[in-house]
């Protein structure tokens, strides 16, 4: 039973919140908008904040729910770590959508919040600091991804969790490879703050 949990986690991760919410709200498929990434940002680009928030919550939940279930059923860190990785990989490479998924930032956050909430909160603080200073969402995600194994090693110093965090961090960095080029060329979109009137 326990060893089927990673498979179930992968299938849960393969459900695209962005595509489901876009259809529910009669929005354009997020894969054909902006960066083509099926995530909350491309839903937000269509001007629907409610749909974007629901997409974000859905992606976070895909990481939270499987890991919490694994925690409740397993006494060893190996199963929750495997489930966390499977849910994350499902979001990146969903079997239901020809293995073309999102970048994994929100689902990764959900995984870490469920594993041990101080890790998730630390990652949120890191993301917010980098985003506030440089105003690049992608740069914030890249820096946070690079630091995540160090934070996990501090808060959850078990080899299974550390290895899992290295895998997740490497995949997140790989998924942002196009952002590196745009950042270096100065063509990456900055976070736009609401204007004061």
N, C-alpha and C. Protein backbone atom coordinates (compact mmCIF):
# COMPACT_ATOMS: atom_id res chain seq x y z
N UNK A 1 0.83 -1.22 0.00
CA UNK A 1 0.00 0.00 0.00
C UNK A 1 0.86 1.26 0.00
N UNK A 2 1.83 1.33 0.92
CA UNK A 2 2.66 2.53 1.04
C UNK A 2 3.44 2.81 -0.25
N UNK A 3 3.85 1.73 -0.92
CA UNK A 3 4.69 1.93 -2.10
C UNK A 3 3.90 2.33 -3.34
N UNK A 4 2.57 2.33 -3.23
CA UNK A 4 1.76 2.86 -4.32
C UNK A 4 1.52 4.37 -4.16
N UNK A 5 1.85 4.91 -2.99
CA UNK A 5 1.60 6.33 -2.74
C UNK A 5 2.35 7.25 -3.71
N UNK A 6 3.61 6.98 -4.04
CA UNK A 6 4.28 7.84 -5.03
C UNK A 6 3.57 7.86 -6.38
N UNK A 7 3.03 6.71 -6.78
CA UNK A 7 2.30 6.67 -8.06
C UNK A 7 1.05 7.54 -7.99
N UNK A 8 0.32 7.42 -6.89
CA UNK A 8 -0.88 8.25 -6.71
C UNK A 8 -0.51 9.72 -6.63
N UNK A 9 0.60 10.02 -5.96
CA UNK A 9 1.06 11.41 -5.85
C UNK A 9 1.41 11.97 -7.23
N UNK A 10 2.05 11.15 -8.05
CA UNK A 10 2.37 11.60 -9.41
C UNK A 10 1.11 11.91 -10.20
N UNK A 11 0.10 11.07 -10.07
CA UNK A 11 -1.16 11.30 -10.80
C UNK A 11 -1.86 12.56 -10.30
N UNK A 12 -1.82 12.79 -8.99
CA UNK A 12 -2.40 14.03 -8.45
C UNK A 12 -1.63 15.23 -8.97
N UNK A 13 -0.31 15.12 -8.97
CA UNK A 13 0.51 16.21 -9.49
C UNK A 13 0.27 16.49 -10.96
N UNK A 14 -0.15 15.46 -11.69
CA UNK A 14 -0.38 15.60 -13.14
C UNK A 14 -1.66 16.36 -13.48
N UNK A 15 -2.52 16.57 -12.49
CA UNK A 15 -3.73 17.36 -12.73
C UNK A 15 -3.35 18.83 -12.85
N UNK A 16 -3.68 19.46 -13.94
CA UNK A 16 -3.32 20.87 -14.15
C UNK A 16 -4.37 21.80 -13.58
N UNK A 17 -4.03 22.47 -12.51
CA UNK A 17 -4.96 23.44 -11.91
C UNK A 17 -5.24 24.58 -12.89
N UNK A 18 -4.21 25.04 -13.57
CA UNK A 18 -4.36 26.18 -14.48
C UNK A 18 -5.32 25.88 -15.62
N UNK A 19 -5.18 24.70 -16.21
CA UNK A 19 -6.05 24.34 -17.34
C UNK A 19 -7.48 24.13 -16.85
N UNK A 20 -7.63 23.47 -15.71
CA UNK A 20 -8.97 23.23 -15.16
C UNK A 20 -9.66 24.55 -14.81
N UNK A 21 -8.95 25.46 -14.16
CA UNK A 21 -9.53 26.75 -13.78
C UNK A 21 -9.83 27.59 -15.01
N UNK A 22 -8.95 27.54 -16.00
CA UNK A 22 -9.19 28.30 -17.23
C UNK A 22 -10.48 27.85 -17.91
N UNK A 23 -10.70 26.55 -17.92
CA UNK A 23 -11.94 26.03 -18.53
C UNK A 23 -13.15 26.41 -17.69
N UNK A 24 -13.00 26.36 -16.37
CA UNK A 24 -14.11 26.70 -15.48
C UNK A 24 -14.53 28.15 -15.64
N UNK A 25 -13.56 29.04 -15.83
CA UNK A 25 -13.84 30.47 -15.94
C UNK A 25 -13.93 30.94 -17.40
N UNK A 26 -13.91 29.99 -18.32
CA UNK A 26 -14.00 30.29 -19.76
C UNK A 26 -12.88 31.24 -20.19
N UNK A 27 -11.66 30.97 -19.73
CA UNK A 27 -10.50 31.76 -20.09
C UNK A 27 -9.71 31.05 -21.18
N UNK A 28 -8.78 31.77 -21.77
CA UNK A 28 -7.91 31.18 -22.78
C UNK A 28 -6.99 30.16 -22.14
N UNK A 29 -6.72 29.08 -22.84
CA UNK A 29 -5.80 28.06 -22.34
C UNK A 29 -4.48 28.73 -21.97
N UNK A 30 -4.01 28.58 -20.72
CA UNK A 30 -2.78 29.26 -20.29
C UNK A 30 -1.55 28.85 -21.07
N UNK A 31 -1.60 27.71 -21.74
CA UNK A 31 -0.45 27.27 -22.54
C UNK A 31 -0.29 28.10 -23.80
N UNK A 32 -1.30 28.91 -24.12
CA UNK A 32 -1.22 29.76 -25.32
C UNK A 32 -1.15 31.24 -24.96
N UNK A 33 -0.84 31.54 -23.70
CA UNK A 33 -0.77 32.92 -23.23
C UNK A 33 0.60 33.17 -22.63
N UNK A 34 1.13 34.36 -22.86
CA UNK A 34 2.39 34.77 -22.22
C UNK A 34 3.52 33.79 -22.48
N UNK A 35 4.07 33.22 -21.40
CA UNK A 35 5.20 32.30 -21.51
C UNK A 35 4.79 30.91 -21.96
N UNK A 36 3.47 30.64 -21.96
CA UNK A 36 2.99 29.31 -22.31
C UNK A 36 3.04 28.34 -21.15
N UNK A 37 3.39 28.85 -19.98
CA UNK A 37 3.48 28.01 -18.79
C UNK A 37 2.10 27.87 -18.14
N UNK A 38 1.62 26.64 -17.92
CA UNK A 38 0.31 26.45 -17.29
C UNK A 38 0.38 26.68 -15.79
N UNK A 39 0.37 27.95 -15.40
CA UNK A 39 0.46 28.30 -13.99
C UNK A 39 -0.36 29.53 -13.68
N UNK A 40 -0.31 29.94 -12.43
CA UNK A 40 -1.13 31.07 -11.96
C UNK A 40 -0.77 32.37 -12.66
N UNK A 41 0.50 32.56 -13.00
CA UNK A 41 0.92 33.81 -13.64
C UNK A 41 0.23 34.01 -14.97
N UNK A 42 0.15 32.96 -15.77
CA UNK A 42 -0.49 33.09 -17.08
C UNK A 42 -2.01 33.21 -16.97
N UNK A 43 -2.58 32.73 -15.88
CA UNK A 43 -4.00 32.98 -15.62
C UNK A 43 -4.18 34.44 -15.23
N UNK A 44 -3.28 34.96 -14.41
CA UNK A 44 -3.35 36.36 -13.97
C UNK A 44 -3.19 37.31 -15.14
N UNK A 45 -2.40 36.92 -16.13
CA UNK A 45 -2.20 37.77 -17.31
C UNK A 45 -3.51 38.02 -18.06
N UNK A 46 -4.49 37.17 -17.81
CA UNK A 46 -5.79 37.35 -18.46
C UNK A 46 -6.72 38.25 -17.64
N UNK A 47 -6.20 38.77 -16.54
CA UNK A 47 -6.93 39.76 -15.78
C UNK A 47 -7.92 39.21 -14.76
N UNK A 48 -7.87 37.91 -14.52
CA UNK A 48 -8.81 37.33 -13.56
C UNK A 48 -8.05 36.92 -12.29
N UNK A 49 -8.11 37.79 -11.27
CA UNK A 49 -7.36 37.54 -10.04
C UNK A 49 -7.92 36.36 -9.26
N UNK A 50 -9.23 36.20 -9.29
CA UNK A 50 -9.84 35.07 -8.57
C UNK A 50 -9.38 33.74 -9.17
N UNK A 51 -9.40 33.66 -10.49
CA UNK A 51 -8.96 32.43 -11.16
C UNK A 51 -7.48 32.18 -10.89
N UNK A 52 -6.67 33.23 -10.88
CA UNK A 52 -5.24 33.08 -10.61
C UNK A 52 -5.00 32.58 -9.19
N UNK A 53 -5.75 33.12 -8.23
CA UNK A 53 -5.61 32.68 -6.84
C UNK A 53 -6.01 31.22 -6.68
N UNK A 54 -7.11 30.83 -7.31
CA UNK A 54 -7.56 29.44 -7.25
C UNK A 54 -6.53 28.50 -7.89
N UNK A 55 -5.92 28.96 -8.96
CA UNK A 55 -4.87 28.16 -9.61
C UNK A 55 -3.68 27.98 -8.68
N UNK A 56 -3.28 29.07 -8.04
CA UNK A 56 -2.17 29.01 -7.10
C UNK A 56 -2.47 28.04 -5.95
N UNK A 57 -3.66 28.16 -5.39
CA UNK A 57 -4.05 27.27 -4.28
C UNK A 57 -4.12 25.82 -4.74
N UNK A 58 -4.60 25.62 -5.96
CA UNK A 58 -4.67 24.26 -6.50
C UNK A 58 -3.29 23.64 -6.66
N UNK A 59 -2.35 24.43 -7.18
CA UNK A 59 -0.99 23.92 -7.37
C UNK A 59 -0.29 23.65 -6.04
N UNK A 60 -0.50 24.53 -5.06
CA UNK A 60 0.08 24.31 -3.74
C UNK A 60 -0.52 23.04 -3.11
N UNK A 61 -1.83 22.88 -3.27
CA UNK A 61 -2.52 21.71 -2.68
C UNK A 61 -2.02 20.40 -3.25
N UNK A 62 -1.60 20.41 -4.51
CA UNK A 62 -1.08 19.18 -5.12
C UNK A 62 0.19 18.70 -4.42
N UNK A 63 0.90 19.63 -3.80
CA UNK A 63 2.06 19.24 -3.02
C UNK A 63 1.71 18.91 -1.58
N UNK A 64 0.76 19.67 -1.02
CA UNK A 64 0.40 19.50 0.39
C UNK A 64 -0.31 18.16 0.65
N UNK A 65 -1.37 17.89 -0.09
CA UNK A 65 -2.24 16.75 0.20
C UNK A 65 -1.52 15.40 0.15
N UNK A 66 -0.79 15.07 -0.93
CA UNK A 66 -0.13 13.76 -0.96
C UNK A 66 0.90 13.59 0.16
N UNK A 67 1.63 14.67 0.47
CA UNK A 67 2.66 14.56 1.50
C UNK A 67 2.04 14.37 2.88
N UNK A 68 0.95 15.07 3.16
CA UNK A 68 0.28 14.90 4.45
C UNK A 68 -0.26 13.48 4.60
N UNK A 69 -0.79 12.93 3.51
CA UNK A 69 -1.29 11.54 3.54
C UNK A 69 -0.13 10.58 3.82
N UNK A 70 1.00 10.82 3.14
CA UNK A 70 2.17 9.95 3.34
C UNK A 70 2.68 10.04 4.77
N UNK A 71 2.69 11.25 5.31
CA UNK A 71 3.12 11.45 6.70
C UNK A 71 2.24 10.65 7.67
N UNK A 72 0.94 10.65 7.39
CA UNK A 72 0.00 9.98 8.30
C UNK A 72 0.09 8.46 8.24
N UNK A 73 0.60 7.94 7.13
CA UNK A 73 0.63 6.49 6.93
C UNK A 73 2.00 5.86 7.12
N UNK A 74 3.03 6.69 7.08
CA UNK A 74 4.39 6.15 7.13
C UNK A 74 5.17 6.71 8.32
N UNK A 75 5.97 5.87 8.94
CA UNK A 75 6.81 6.30 10.05
C UNK A 75 8.24 6.58 9.61
N UNK A 76 8.55 6.27 8.37
CA UNK A 76 9.89 6.51 7.85
C UNK A 76 9.87 7.70 6.89
N UNK A 77 10.90 8.54 6.89
CA UNK A 77 10.95 9.70 5.99
C UNK A 77 11.02 9.33 4.51
N UNK A 78 11.41 8.10 4.21
CA UNK A 78 11.60 7.71 2.82
C UNK A 78 10.32 7.84 2.00
N UNK A 79 9.19 7.42 2.55
CA UNK A 79 7.93 7.46 1.81
C UNK A 79 7.46 8.90 1.58
N UNK A 80 7.40 9.77 2.60
CA UNK A 80 7.02 11.16 2.34
C UNK A 80 7.96 11.85 1.35
N UNK A 81 9.25 11.55 1.44
CA UNK A 81 10.21 12.15 0.50
C UNK A 81 9.93 11.70 -0.93
N UNK A 82 9.66 10.41 -1.10
CA UNK A 82 9.35 9.88 -2.44
C UNK A 82 8.04 10.45 -2.96
N UNK A 83 7.05 10.56 -2.09
CA UNK A 83 5.75 11.12 -2.47
C UNK A 83 5.90 12.59 -2.86
N UNK A 84 6.69 13.32 -2.10
CA UNK A 84 6.93 14.74 -2.41
C UNK A 84 7.54 14.90 -3.79
N UNK A 85 8.56 14.09 -4.08
CA UNK A 85 9.21 14.16 -5.39
C UNK A 85 8.26 13.76 -6.50
N UNK A 86 7.44 12.74 -6.26
CA UNK A 86 6.51 12.26 -7.29
C UNK A 86 5.44 13.30 -7.61
N UNK A 87 4.88 13.94 -6.59
CA UNK A 87 3.87 14.97 -6.83
C UNK A 87 4.46 16.14 -7.61
N UNK A 88 5.66 16.52 -7.25
CA UNK A 88 6.35 17.62 -7.93
C UNK A 88 6.63 17.28 -9.39
N UNK A 89 7.16 16.08 -9.62
CA UNK A 89 7.46 15.66 -10.99
C UNK A 89 6.19 15.54 -11.81
N UNK A 90 5.09 15.12 -11.17
CA UNK A 90 3.81 15.06 -11.87
C UNK A 90 3.38 16.42 -12.38
N UNK A 91 3.63 17.46 -11.59
CA UNK A 91 3.28 18.81 -12.03
C UNK A 91 4.15 19.24 -13.21
N UNK A 92 5.43 18.91 -13.16
CA UNK A 92 6.35 19.30 -14.22
C UNK A 92 6.11 18.50 -15.51
N UNK A 93 5.88 17.20 -15.33
CA UNK A 93 5.74 16.30 -16.49
C UNK A 93 4.45 15.49 -16.34
N UNK A 94 3.29 16.13 -16.53
CA UNK A 94 2.00 15.47 -16.30
C UNK A 94 1.65 14.46 -17.40
N UNK A 95 1.29 13.28 -16.97
CA UNK A 95 0.93 12.22 -17.91
C UNK A 95 -0.33 12.59 -18.68
N UNK A 96 -1.20 13.41 -18.11
CA UNK A 96 -2.46 13.77 -18.76
C UNK A 96 -2.30 14.84 -19.83
N UNK A 97 -1.14 15.50 -19.87
CA UNK A 97 -0.95 16.61 -20.81
C UNK A 97 0.36 16.47 -21.58
N UNK A 98 0.61 15.25 -22.04
CA UNK A 98 1.77 14.95 -22.88
C UNK A 98 3.08 15.36 -22.21
N UNK A 99 3.12 15.28 -20.90
CA UNK A 99 4.32 15.55 -20.10
C UNK A 99 4.81 16.99 -20.22
N UNK A 100 3.89 17.90 -20.52
CA UNK A 100 4.24 19.32 -20.60
C UNK A 100 3.49 20.07 -19.50
N UNK A 101 4.18 20.35 -18.43
CA UNK A 101 3.55 20.98 -17.28
C UNK A 101 4.16 22.31 -16.91
N UNK A 102 3.93 22.72 -15.66
CA UNK A 102 4.41 24.01 -15.19
C UNK A 102 5.84 23.95 -14.67
N UNK A 103 6.26 25.04 -14.04
CA UNK A 103 7.64 25.13 -13.55
C UNK A 103 7.79 24.58 -12.14
N UNK A 104 6.70 24.48 -11.41
CA UNK A 104 6.75 23.77 -10.14
C UNK A 104 6.96 24.60 -8.89
N UNK A 105 6.98 25.92 -9.00
CA UNK A 105 7.25 26.75 -7.82
C UNK A 105 6.18 26.56 -6.75
N UNK A 106 4.91 26.67 -7.14
CA UNK A 106 3.81 26.57 -6.16
C UNK A 106 3.69 25.16 -5.60
N UNK A 107 3.80 24.15 -6.46
CA UNK A 107 3.71 22.77 -5.98
C UNK A 107 4.89 22.42 -5.08
N UNK A 108 6.07 22.93 -5.43
CA UNK A 108 7.23 22.73 -4.58
C UNK A 108 7.03 23.36 -3.20
N UNK A 109 6.44 24.55 -3.19
CA UNK A 109 6.15 25.20 -1.91
C UNK A 109 5.20 24.34 -1.09
N UNK A 110 4.17 23.81 -1.73
CA UNK A 110 3.22 22.95 -1.02
C UNK A 110 3.88 21.74 -0.42
N UNK A 111 4.80 21.15 -1.16
CA UNK A 111 5.55 19.99 -0.68
C UNK A 111 6.31 20.33 0.60
N UNK A 112 7.02 21.46 0.58
CA UNK A 112 7.84 21.84 1.73
C UNK A 112 6.99 22.26 2.92
N UNK A 113 5.88 22.92 2.67
CA UNK A 113 4.99 23.28 3.77
C UNK A 113 4.44 22.04 4.46
N UNK A 114 4.13 21.01 3.68
CA UNK A 114 3.59 19.78 4.26
C UNK A 114 4.66 18.95 4.96
N UNK A 115 5.87 18.95 4.43
CA UNK A 115 6.95 18.20 5.06
C UNK A 115 7.29 18.77 6.43
N UNK A 116 7.47 20.10 6.48
CA UNK A 116 7.79 20.77 7.74
C UNK A 116 7.61 22.27 7.50
N UNK A 117 6.57 22.84 8.08
CA UNK A 117 6.17 24.20 7.71
C UNK A 117 7.27 25.26 7.85
N UNK A 118 8.21 25.15 8.82
CA UNK A 118 9.27 26.17 8.85
C UNK A 118 10.10 26.23 7.56
N UNK A 119 10.26 25.08 6.90
CA UNK A 119 10.98 25.07 5.62
C UNK A 119 10.21 25.90 4.60
N UNK A 120 8.90 25.65 4.49
CA UNK A 120 8.07 26.39 3.55
C UNK A 120 8.05 27.88 3.85
N UNK A 121 7.93 28.24 5.11
CA UNK A 121 7.92 29.66 5.49
C UNK A 121 9.26 30.31 5.16
N UNK A 122 10.36 29.60 5.42
CA UNK A 122 11.69 30.13 5.10
C UNK A 122 11.82 30.40 3.60
N UNK A 123 11.28 29.49 2.79
CA UNK A 123 11.34 29.67 1.34
C UNK A 123 10.48 30.85 0.89
N UNK A 124 9.32 31.02 1.52
CA UNK A 124 8.47 32.17 1.19
C UNK A 124 9.18 33.48 1.51
N UNK A 125 9.82 33.54 2.69
CA UNK A 125 10.55 34.75 3.09
C UNK A 125 11.68 35.05 2.12
N UNK A 126 12.40 34.00 1.73
CA UNK A 126 13.49 34.16 0.76
C UNK A 126 12.97 34.71 -0.57
N UNK A 127 11.89 34.11 -1.05
CA UNK A 127 11.31 34.56 -2.32
C UNK A 127 10.87 36.02 -2.23
N UNK A 128 10.21 36.38 -1.15
CA UNK A 128 9.71 37.74 -1.00
C UNK A 128 10.85 38.75 -0.93
N UNK A 129 11.93 38.41 -0.24
CA UNK A 129 13.07 39.33 -0.12
C UNK A 129 13.71 39.59 -1.48
N UNK A 130 13.97 38.53 -2.23
CA UNK A 130 14.60 38.68 -3.54
C UNK A 130 13.67 39.43 -4.49
N UNK A 131 12.39 39.09 -4.45
CA UNK A 131 11.41 39.75 -5.32
C UNK A 131 11.28 41.24 -4.97
N UNK A 132 11.31 41.57 -3.68
CA UNK A 132 11.17 42.95 -3.26
C UNK A 132 12.39 43.78 -3.66
N UNK A 133 13.57 43.17 -3.61
CA UNK A 133 14.80 43.90 -3.92
C UNK A 133 15.00 44.07 -5.42
N UNK A 134 14.82 42.99 -6.17
CA UNK A 134 15.14 43.01 -7.60
C UNK A 134 13.93 43.11 -8.52
N UNK A 135 12.75 42.83 -7.99
CA UNK A 135 11.48 42.93 -8.74
C UNK A 135 11.37 41.94 -9.90
N UNK A 136 12.05 40.81 -9.77
CA UNK A 136 11.93 39.75 -10.76
C UNK A 136 11.40 38.49 -10.08
N UNK A 137 10.22 38.04 -10.49
CA UNK A 137 9.65 36.83 -9.93
C UNK A 137 10.51 35.62 -10.24
N UNK A 138 11.01 35.54 -11.47
CA UNK A 138 11.81 34.39 -11.88
C UNK A 138 13.12 34.33 -11.10
N UNK A 139 13.76 35.48 -10.89
CA UNK A 139 15.01 35.51 -10.12
C UNK A 139 14.76 35.06 -8.69
N UNK A 140 13.65 35.48 -8.12
CA UNK A 140 13.29 35.06 -6.77
C UNK A 140 13.12 33.54 -6.71
N UNK A 141 12.48 32.98 -7.72
CA UNK A 141 12.29 31.52 -7.77
C UNK A 141 13.62 30.80 -7.94
N UNK A 142 14.51 31.35 -8.76
CA UNK A 142 15.81 30.73 -9.00
C UNK A 142 16.66 30.72 -7.73
N UNK A 143 16.73 31.86 -7.06
CA UNK A 143 17.53 31.95 -5.83
C UNK A 143 16.95 31.04 -4.75
N UNK A 144 15.64 31.05 -4.61
CA UNK A 144 14.98 30.20 -3.60
C UNK A 144 15.22 28.72 -3.89
N UNK A 145 15.15 28.35 -5.16
CA UNK A 145 15.39 26.95 -5.55
C UNK A 145 16.81 26.53 -5.20
N UNK A 146 17.77 27.42 -5.45
CA UNK A 146 19.17 27.10 -5.15
C UNK A 146 19.42 26.94 -3.65
N UNK A 147 18.68 27.72 -2.85
CA UNK A 147 18.87 27.68 -1.40
C UNK A 147 18.07 26.57 -0.71
N UNK A 148 17.07 26.03 -1.40
CA UNK A 148 16.17 25.07 -0.75
C UNK A 148 16.89 23.85 -0.15
N UNK A 149 17.88 23.24 -0.82
CA UNK A 149 18.56 22.11 -0.17
C UNK A 149 19.26 22.49 1.13
N UNK A 150 19.79 23.71 1.20
CA UNK A 150 20.47 24.16 2.43
C UNK A 150 19.46 24.31 3.56
N UNK A 151 18.30 24.86 3.23
CA UNK A 151 17.27 25.04 4.25
C UNK A 151 16.73 23.69 4.73
N UNK A 152 16.56 22.78 3.81
CA UNK A 152 16.10 21.43 4.18
C UNK A 152 17.15 20.73 5.03
N UNK A 153 18.42 20.87 4.66
CA UNK A 153 19.49 20.24 5.44
C UNK A 153 19.53 20.79 6.87
N UNK A 154 19.15 22.05 7.02
CA UNK A 154 19.12 22.65 8.36
C UNK A 154 17.91 22.19 9.16
N UNK A 155 16.72 22.25 8.55
CA UNK A 155 15.49 21.95 9.27
C UNK A 155 15.15 20.47 9.31
N UNK A 156 15.50 19.74 8.22
CA UNK A 156 15.16 18.31 8.12
C UNK A 156 16.39 17.52 7.70
N UNK A 157 17.37 17.39 8.59
CA UNK A 157 18.65 16.77 8.21
C UNK A 157 18.61 15.25 8.09
N UNK A 158 17.64 14.75 7.34
CA UNK A 158 17.59 13.31 7.05
C UNK A 158 17.99 13.13 5.58
N UNK A 159 18.85 12.15 5.28
CA UNK A 159 19.32 11.98 3.90
C UNK A 159 18.21 11.92 2.86
N UNK A 160 17.08 11.28 3.18
CA UNK A 160 15.98 11.17 2.21
C UNK A 160 15.44 12.54 1.84
N UNK A 161 15.28 13.41 2.82
CA UNK A 161 14.76 14.75 2.55
C UNK A 161 15.79 15.62 1.83
N UNK A 162 17.05 15.47 2.22
CA UNK A 162 18.10 16.27 1.58
C UNK A 162 18.23 15.90 0.11
N UNK A 163 18.26 14.60 -0.18
CA UNK A 163 18.35 14.15 -1.58
C UNK A 163 17.13 14.62 -2.36
N UNK A 164 15.95 14.49 -1.76
CA UNK A 164 14.72 14.95 -2.42
C UNK A 164 14.81 16.43 -2.74
N UNK A 165 15.31 17.24 -1.81
CA UNK A 165 15.37 18.69 -2.03
C UNK A 165 16.39 19.04 -3.12
N UNK A 166 17.46 18.27 -3.21
CA UNK A 166 18.44 18.50 -4.28
C UNK A 166 17.81 18.22 -5.64
N UNK A 167 17.05 17.13 -5.72
CA UNK A 167 16.37 16.78 -6.98
C UNK A 167 15.37 17.86 -7.36
N UNK A 168 14.55 18.28 -6.40
CA UNK A 168 13.55 19.32 -6.67
C UNK A 168 14.22 20.63 -7.06
N UNK A 169 15.27 21.00 -6.33
CA UNK A 169 15.97 22.25 -6.63
C UNK A 169 16.58 22.23 -8.02
N UNK A 170 17.20 21.11 -8.39
CA UNK A 170 17.81 20.99 -9.72
C UNK A 170 16.76 21.07 -10.82
N UNK A 171 15.63 20.42 -10.61
CA UNK A 171 14.56 20.46 -11.61
C UNK A 171 13.98 21.87 -11.75
N UNK A 172 13.81 22.56 -10.62
CA UNK A 172 13.31 23.93 -10.67
C UNK A 172 14.28 24.84 -11.42
N UNK A 173 15.56 24.70 -11.17
CA UNK A 173 16.55 25.50 -11.87
C UNK A 173 16.55 25.19 -13.37
N UNK A 174 16.39 23.92 -13.71
CA UNK A 174 16.35 23.52 -15.11
C UNK A 174 15.12 24.11 -15.80
N UNK A 175 13.98 24.09 -15.12
CA UNK A 175 12.74 24.60 -15.71
C UNK A 175 12.78 26.11 -15.92
N UNK A 176 13.68 26.80 -15.25
CA UNK A 176 13.79 28.24 -15.41
C UNK A 176 14.93 28.64 -16.37
N UNK A 177 15.42 27.70 -17.16
CA UNK A 177 16.57 27.98 -18.02
C UNK A 177 16.31 29.10 -19.03
N UNK A 178 15.09 29.21 -19.51
CA UNK A 178 14.78 30.30 -20.44
C UNK A 178 14.81 31.66 -19.75
N UNK A 179 14.48 31.66 -18.46
CA UNK A 179 14.50 32.91 -17.71
C UNK A 179 15.92 33.43 -17.54
N UNK A 180 16.90 32.52 -17.45
CA UNK A 180 18.29 32.97 -17.32
C UNK A 180 18.67 33.86 -18.49
N UNK A 181 18.32 33.41 -19.69
CA UNK A 181 18.68 34.15 -20.89
C UNK A 181 18.02 35.53 -20.90
N UNK A 182 16.74 35.56 -20.54
CA UNK A 182 16.04 36.85 -20.54
C UNK A 182 16.57 37.78 -19.46
N UNK A 183 16.95 37.22 -18.32
CA UNK A 183 17.53 38.04 -17.25
C UNK A 183 18.86 38.64 -17.70
N UNK A 184 19.69 37.82 -18.34
CA UNK A 184 21.00 38.30 -18.79
C UNK A 184 20.88 39.35 -19.88
N UNK A 185 19.83 39.22 -20.69
CA UNK A 185 19.62 40.18 -21.78
C UNK A 185 18.82 41.41 -21.34
N UNK A 186 18.35 41.38 -20.11
CA UNK A 186 17.54 42.49 -19.61
C UNK A 186 16.14 42.52 -20.20
N UNK A 187 15.66 41.36 -20.64
CA UNK A 187 14.35 41.29 -21.28
C UNK A 187 13.30 40.58 -20.43
N UNK A 188 13.66 40.25 -19.20
CA UNK A 188 12.71 39.59 -18.32
C UNK A 188 11.72 40.62 -17.76
N UNK A 189 10.46 40.24 -17.71
CA UNK A 189 9.44 41.14 -17.17
C UNK A 189 9.60 41.30 -15.67
N UNK A 190 9.53 42.55 -15.21
CA UNK A 190 9.61 42.82 -13.78
C UNK A 190 8.23 42.73 -13.15
N UNK A 191 8.22 42.55 -11.84
CA UNK A 191 6.97 42.57 -11.10
C UNK A 191 6.43 43.99 -11.11
N UNK A 192 5.20 44.14 -11.52
CA UNK A 192 4.59 45.47 -11.59
C UNK A 192 3.79 45.74 -10.34
N UNK A 193 4.13 46.82 -9.67
CA UNK A 193 3.38 47.22 -8.48
C UNK A 193 2.16 48.04 -8.88
N UNK A 194 1.05 47.91 -8.15
CA UNK A 194 -0.14 48.69 -8.49
C UNK A 194 0.14 50.18 -8.33
N UNK A 195 -0.35 50.95 -9.29
CA UNK A 195 -0.12 52.40 -9.25
C UNK A 195 -0.99 53.06 -8.21
N UNK A 196 -0.45 54.11 -7.60
CA UNK A 196 -1.22 54.85 -6.60
C UNK A 196 -1.93 56.02 -7.27
N UNK A 197 -3.22 56.14 -6.97
CA UNK A 197 -4.00 57.22 -7.55
C UNK A 197 -4.60 58.08 -6.46
